[in-house]
Protein backbone atom coordinates (compact mmCIF):
# COMPACT_ATOMS: atom_id res chain seq x y z
CA MET A 1 -16.40 28.12 102.56
CA LYS A 2 -15.51 24.70 101.24
CA LEU A 3 -15.30 22.01 103.93
CA LYS A 4 -13.94 19.26 101.68
CA GLY A 5 -10.57 18.08 102.86
CA LEU A 6 -10.71 19.68 106.33
CA LEU A 7 -11.62 16.44 108.11
CA LYS A 8 -9.01 14.09 106.73
CA LYS A 9 -7.89 11.15 108.82
CA LYS A 10 -4.24 12.18 108.59
CA TYR A 11 -2.74 15.60 109.20
CA ALA A 12 0.45 17.13 107.87
CA VAL A 13 2.85 18.79 110.30
CA THR A 14 6.09 20.64 109.58
CA THR A 15 9.17 19.52 111.50
CA LYS A 16 12.03 21.75 112.63
CA GLU A 17 13.93 20.67 109.54
CA GLY A 18 11.13 21.99 107.35
CA THR A 19 9.98 18.63 106.07
CA LYS A 20 6.36 17.57 106.27
CA LYS A 21 5.19 14.39 107.93
CA GLU A 22 1.78 12.84 108.23
CA VAL A 23 0.33 12.42 111.73
CA PRO A 24 -1.78 9.24 112.05
CA GLU A 25 -5.39 9.53 113.16
CA GLY A 26 -5.83 9.29 116.92
CA ILE A 27 -2.28 10.29 117.87
CA TYR A 28 -3.80 13.22 119.75
CA ILE A 29 -6.73 13.05 122.16
CA GLN A 30 -8.88 15.87 123.49
CA CYS A 31 -9.17 16.18 127.26
CA PRO A 32 -12.88 16.03 128.23
CA LYS A 33 -12.29 18.56 131.01
CA CYS A 34 -10.04 21.32 129.63
CA LYS A 35 -10.62 20.47 125.93
CA LYS A 36 -6.92 20.75 125.12
CA SER A 37 -5.18 18.28 122.83
CA ILE A 38 -2.85 15.72 124.39
CA TYR A 39 -0.18 13.71 122.61
CA ARG A 40 -1.08 10.07 123.40
CA PRO A 41 2.49 8.93 124.19
CA GLU A 42 2.77 11.87 126.63
CA LEU A 43 -0.55 10.88 128.24
CA LYS A 44 0.76 7.35 128.74
CA LYS A 45 3.98 8.71 130.25
CA MET A 46 1.85 10.81 132.62
CA LEU A 47 0.00 7.63 133.77
CA GLY A 48 -3.24 8.77 132.16
CA ILE A 49 -3.30 12.23 133.76
CA CYS A 50 -3.90 15.31 131.60
CA PRO A 51 -0.70 17.42 131.63
CA HIS A 52 -2.76 20.61 131.27
CA CYS A 53 -5.49 20.33 133.93
CA GLY A 54 -4.75 17.16 135.88
CA TYR A 55 -7.86 15.28 134.74
CA TYR A 56 -7.64 11.56 135.55
CA TYR A 57 -8.42 9.30 132.61
CA PRO A 58 -9.76 5.83 133.51
CA LEU A 59 -7.04 3.18 133.48
CA ALA A 60 -7.52 -0.28 131.99
CA ALA A 61 -7.01 -3.00 134.60
CA ARG A 62 -3.80 -4.33 133.06
CA SER A 63 -2.37 -0.82 132.70
CA ARG A 64 -3.00 -0.23 136.39
CA ILE A 65 -1.40 -3.55 137.29
CA SER A 66 1.72 -2.54 135.36
CA ILE A 67 2.20 0.64 137.41
CA ILE A 68 1.24 -0.77 140.82
CA VAL A 69 2.85 -4.20 141.24
CA ASP A 70 6.47 -5.28 140.99
CA LYS A 71 7.58 -6.25 137.50
CA ASN A 72 6.79 -9.88 136.56
CA SER A 73 5.27 -10.56 139.98
CA PHE A 74 1.59 -10.72 139.00
CA GLU A 75 0.02 -14.19 138.91
CA GLU A 76 -3.53 -13.97 137.58
CA MET A 77 -6.28 -16.06 139.17
CA ASP A 78 -9.57 -17.32 137.71
CA ALA A 79 -8.93 -15.85 134.27
CA VAL A 80 -11.13 -18.49 132.59
CA LEU A 81 -14.37 -17.60 134.41
CA ASN A 82 -17.03 -16.39 131.96
CA SER A 83 -20.42 -14.78 132.57
CA GLN A 84 -23.56 -16.63 131.55
CA ASN A 85 -27.03 -15.25 130.95
CA PRO A 86 -29.08 -16.42 133.97
CA LEU A 87 -32.14 -14.33 133.09
CA ASN A 88 -31.98 -14.93 129.32
CA PHE A 89 -31.61 -11.19 128.87
CA GLU A 90 -31.91 -10.40 125.17
CA GLY A 91 -28.62 -9.47 123.51
CA TYR A 92 -26.53 -10.00 126.67
CA GLU A 93 -24.26 -12.71 125.25
CA GLU A 94 -23.49 -10.58 122.20
CA LYS A 95 -22.72 -7.59 124.42
CA LEU A 96 -20.34 -9.65 126.54
CA GLU A 97 -18.55 -10.88 123.43
CA ARG A 98 -18.12 -7.31 122.15
CA TYR A 99 -16.56 -6.17 125.43
CA GLN A 100 -14.36 -9.24 125.65
CA GLU A 101 -13.02 -8.48 122.19
CA LYS A 102 -12.66 -4.78 122.95
CA THR A 103 -10.81 -5.19 126.27
CA ASN A 104 -9.09 -8.54 125.65
CA GLN A 105 -10.31 -9.81 129.02
CA ASN A 106 -13.21 -12.01 130.12
CA GLU A 107 -14.78 -9.74 132.70
CA ALA A 108 -14.77 -6.36 134.44
CA VAL A 109 -12.24 -7.38 137.09
CA ILE A 110 -8.80 -8.98 137.07
CA THR A 111 -7.57 -10.72 140.22
CA GLY A 112 -4.31 -12.29 141.24
CA LYS A 113 -1.37 -12.52 143.62
CA ALA A 114 1.50 -10.06 143.30
CA MET A 115 4.19 -8.13 145.12
CA ILE A 116 4.32 -4.40 145.81
CA GLU A 117 7.83 -3.24 146.67
CA GLY A 118 8.57 -6.76 147.87
CA HIS A 119 5.37 -7.25 149.90
CA ASN A 120 3.09 -10.15 148.98
CA VAL A 121 -0.54 -9.23 148.36
CA VAL A 122 -3.73 -10.42 146.74
CA ILE A 123 -5.04 -7.75 144.40
CA ALA A 124 -8.26 -7.18 142.44
CA ILE A 125 -8.56 -4.39 139.89
CA MET A 126 -11.87 -3.44 138.31
CA ASP A 127 -12.05 -2.05 134.77
CA SER A 128 -14.70 0.51 133.84
CA GLY A 129 -13.95 -0.20 130.17
CA PHE A 130 -15.83 -3.50 130.46
CA MET A 131 -19.55 -2.72 130.69
CA MET A 132 -18.78 0.25 132.95
CA GLY A 133 -17.25 -2.11 135.51
CA SER A 134 -20.70 -3.40 136.40
CA MET A 135 -20.84 -6.25 138.92
CA GLY A 136 -22.41 -9.52 137.83
CA GLU A 137 -22.00 -13.08 139.07
CA VAL A 138 -18.48 -13.53 137.72
CA VAL A 139 -17.19 -10.19 139.02
CA GLY A 140 -18.57 -11.03 142.48
CA GLU A 141 -17.23 -14.58 142.32
CA LYS A 142 -13.73 -13.51 141.27
CA ILE A 143 -13.54 -10.89 144.01
CA THR A 144 -14.86 -13.37 146.60
CA ARG A 145 -12.28 -15.97 145.55
CA ALA A 146 -9.55 -13.33 145.80
CA ILE A 147 -10.68 -12.45 149.33
CA GLU A 148 -10.80 -16.12 150.32
CA THR A 149 -7.31 -16.69 148.90
CA ALA A 150 -5.99 -13.76 150.92
CA THR A 151 -7.64 -15.15 154.07
CA ARG A 152 -6.42 -18.70 153.51
CA GLU A 153 -2.84 -17.62 152.76
CA LYS A 154 -2.84 -14.89 155.44
CA LEU A 155 -2.13 -12.13 152.94
CA PRO A 156 -3.20 -8.48 152.81
CA LEU A 157 -5.82 -7.61 150.21
CA ILE A 158 -6.06 -4.60 147.89
CA ILE A 159 -9.08 -3.88 145.68
CA PHE A 160 -9.21 -1.05 143.15
CA THR A 161 -12.84 -0.24 142.42
CA ALA A 162 -14.25 1.30 139.24
CA SER A 163 -17.90 0.51 138.67
CA GLY A 164 -21.30 1.79 137.70
CA GLY A 165 -22.83 -0.67 140.19
CA ALA A 166 -24.81 -3.88 139.86
CA ARG A 167 -25.28 -5.35 136.37
CA MET A 168 -28.92 -5.01 135.37
CA GLN A 169 -28.76 -7.92 132.91
CA GLU A 170 -28.27 -10.31 135.84
CA GLY A 171 -30.83 -8.84 138.23
CA ILE A 172 -30.95 -10.44 141.68
CA PHE A 173 -27.92 -12.63 140.86
CA SER A 174 -25.91 -9.41 140.63
CA LEU A 175 -27.29 -7.99 143.88
CA MET A 176 -26.40 -11.21 145.70
CA GLN A 177 -22.72 -10.43 145.12
CA MET A 178 -22.94 -7.56 147.59
CA ALA A 179 -23.69 -9.96 150.45
CA LYS A 180 -21.25 -12.61 149.21
CA THR A 181 -18.25 -10.30 148.98
CA SER A 182 -19.09 -8.63 152.30
CA ALA A 183 -19.34 -12.01 154.09
CA ALA A 184 -15.94 -13.04 152.71
CA LEU A 185 -14.44 -9.75 153.91
CA ALA A 186 -15.87 -10.32 157.40
CA LYS A 187 -13.86 -13.57 157.62
CA HIS A 188 -10.76 -11.81 156.30
CA ASP A 189 -11.18 -9.15 158.98
CA ALA A 190 -11.78 -11.73 161.72
CA ALA A 191 -8.42 -13.28 160.78
CA GLY A 192 -6.74 -9.96 161.59
CA LEU A 193 -5.71 -9.29 158.00
CA LEU A 194 -5.39 -5.98 156.20
CA TYR A 195 -7.78 -4.83 153.47
CA ILE A 196 -7.07 -1.62 151.54
CA SER A 197 -9.85 -0.30 149.31
CA VAL A 198 -8.85 2.15 146.57
CA LEU A 199 -11.76 4.04 145.02
CA THR A 200 -11.33 5.30 141.47
CA ASP A 201 -13.68 7.13 139.13
CA PRO A 202 -16.46 6.07 139.20
CA THR A 203 -17.29 3.93 142.23
CA THR A 204 -21.07 3.80 142.53
CA GLY A 205 -24.12 1.64 143.23
CA GLY A 206 -23.86 -1.82 144.74
CA VAL A 207 -20.06 -1.81 144.69
CA THR A 208 -20.00 1.28 146.91
CA ALA A 209 -22.64 -0.29 149.15
CA SER A 210 -20.54 -3.42 149.69
CA PHE A 211 -16.84 -4.20 149.43
CA ALA A 212 -15.69 -0.73 148.31
CA SER A 213 -16.67 0.79 151.65
CA LEU A 214 -15.40 -1.99 153.93
CA GLY A 215 -11.66 -1.35 153.80
CA ASP A 216 -9.55 -1.02 156.93
CA ILE A 217 -7.98 1.81 154.95
CA ILE A 218 -9.98 3.56 152.23
CA LEU A 219 -8.06 5.59 149.67
CA ALA A 220 -9.27 7.43 146.58
CA GLU A 221 -7.83 9.00 143.47
CA PRO A 222 -8.27 12.78 143.07
CA GLY A 223 -11.67 13.81 141.73
CA ALA A 224 -13.14 10.31 141.79
CA LEU A 225 -16.95 10.09 141.77
CA ILE A 226 -17.98 7.99 144.77
CA GLY A 227 -21.55 7.34 145.87
CA PHE A 228 -24.57 5.07 145.78
CA ALA A 229 -27.26 6.87 143.80
CA GLY A 230 -26.12 9.48 141.29
CA PRO A 231 -26.29 13.22 142.04
CA ARG A 232 -29.15 13.79 139.61
CA VAL A 233 -31.26 11.08 141.24
CA ILE A 234 -30.61 12.56 144.69
CA GLU A 235 -31.45 16.09 143.54
CA GLN A 236 -34.73 14.89 142.04
CA THR A 237 -35.56 13.02 145.24
CA ILE A 238 -34.78 15.73 147.81
CA ARG A 239 -35.56 18.60 145.40
CA GLN A 240 -32.50 20.53 146.45
CA LYS A 241 -29.40 21.68 144.62
CA LEU A 242 -26.33 19.73 145.70
CA PRO A 243 -22.82 21.22 146.15
CA SER A 244 -20.74 21.21 142.96
CA ASP A 245 -18.20 18.81 144.48
CA PHE A 246 -20.82 16.48 145.96
CA GLN A 247 -19.77 12.78 145.86
CA ARG A 248 -16.26 13.66 144.73
CA ALA A 249 -13.28 12.27 146.62
CA GLU A 250 -12.41 15.67 148.09
CA PHE A 251 -15.94 16.10 149.47
CA LEU A 252 -15.89 12.62 151.03
CA LEU A 253 -12.50 13.24 152.61
CA GLU A 254 -13.82 16.43 154.20
CA LYS A 255 -16.79 14.50 155.61
CA GLY A 256 -14.64 11.67 156.95
CA GLN A 257 -15.88 8.98 154.56
CA ILE A 258 -12.43 8.13 153.21
CA ASP A 259 -8.99 8.18 154.82
CA ALA A 260 -6.86 9.86 152.17
CA ILE A 261 -6.64 11.01 148.57
CA VAL A 262 -3.56 9.65 146.84
CA THR A 263 -2.28 10.69 143.43
CA ARG A 264 -1.72 8.05 140.81
CA GLU A 265 2.03 8.71 140.84
CA ALA A 266 2.24 8.15 144.61
CA MET A 267 -0.19 5.22 144.88
CA ARG A 268 2.32 2.36 144.57
CA HIS A 269 4.66 3.71 147.25
CA THR A 270 1.76 4.65 149.54
CA LEU A 271 0.36 1.13 149.36
CA ALA A 272 3.83 -0.28 150.05
CA LYS A 273 4.12 1.87 153.20
CA PHE A 274 0.81 0.56 154.56
CA LEU A 275 1.84 -3.01 153.77
CA LYS A 276 5.14 -2.49 155.56
CA PHE A 277 3.43 -1.08 158.66
CA HIS A 278 0.95 -3.96 158.73
CA HIS A 279 3.71 -6.55 158.33
CA LYS A 280 5.53 -5.11 161.35
CA GLU A 281 2.30 -5.06 163.34
CA VAL A 282 1.58 -8.76 162.82
CA GLU A 283 5.16 -9.94 163.42
């Protein structure tokens, strides 16, 4: 069988009128879970959820902002902060530049002030597309500044997490961010202010062990992987087979580790309801 011509970058399809049109490369994407093809515009319309099996694709930070906050209400903070290379880790600067070009953002988190159904908030949204959302000095600093702004201006805080954990290229400087963000949250809590943590896939490592788990209300997207060490590491350590849904949002809800699982379509309105209740409480 001749394979030449089967793997062209453009494909011809026949329309209802009988005419043929070329389909550009990448217009369809294969779902990693059910393996079915998805028309990209349909996937965008579905907010990044597979229409066949319900698999949740990761959302870029700015895409999530567009579906969560009120239109034209987002005011970004600290956009100019850039990571350095404190340990002179070989190739780190080049890697940062590649991800900055790829994602069109400086770091793995975007922070700012916004409104959700008319309620003022400070919001931070992590992006797993930037070095797997790993937390270095700048990620920790931006989140800490966001928390401090919320405390100073007496505003509720929402953080969407998506991270592989601490950034190995920054070593102890990365691990320090766990304590820094947690200390800032303690002051926010002491001021009687609301913090909602929303865990998305994946939320692991040092992020889970710090600010992700400190919310007054902890929500999660369906199927999100949430944990400290990965399942394979745990299995190798305890030498036991773990449940198939171990460290998934549904498992954590059953064990009382999170408060609710909220679909992506319902997230905006759910957050608005909590903000409304909190506003009435503090009046």
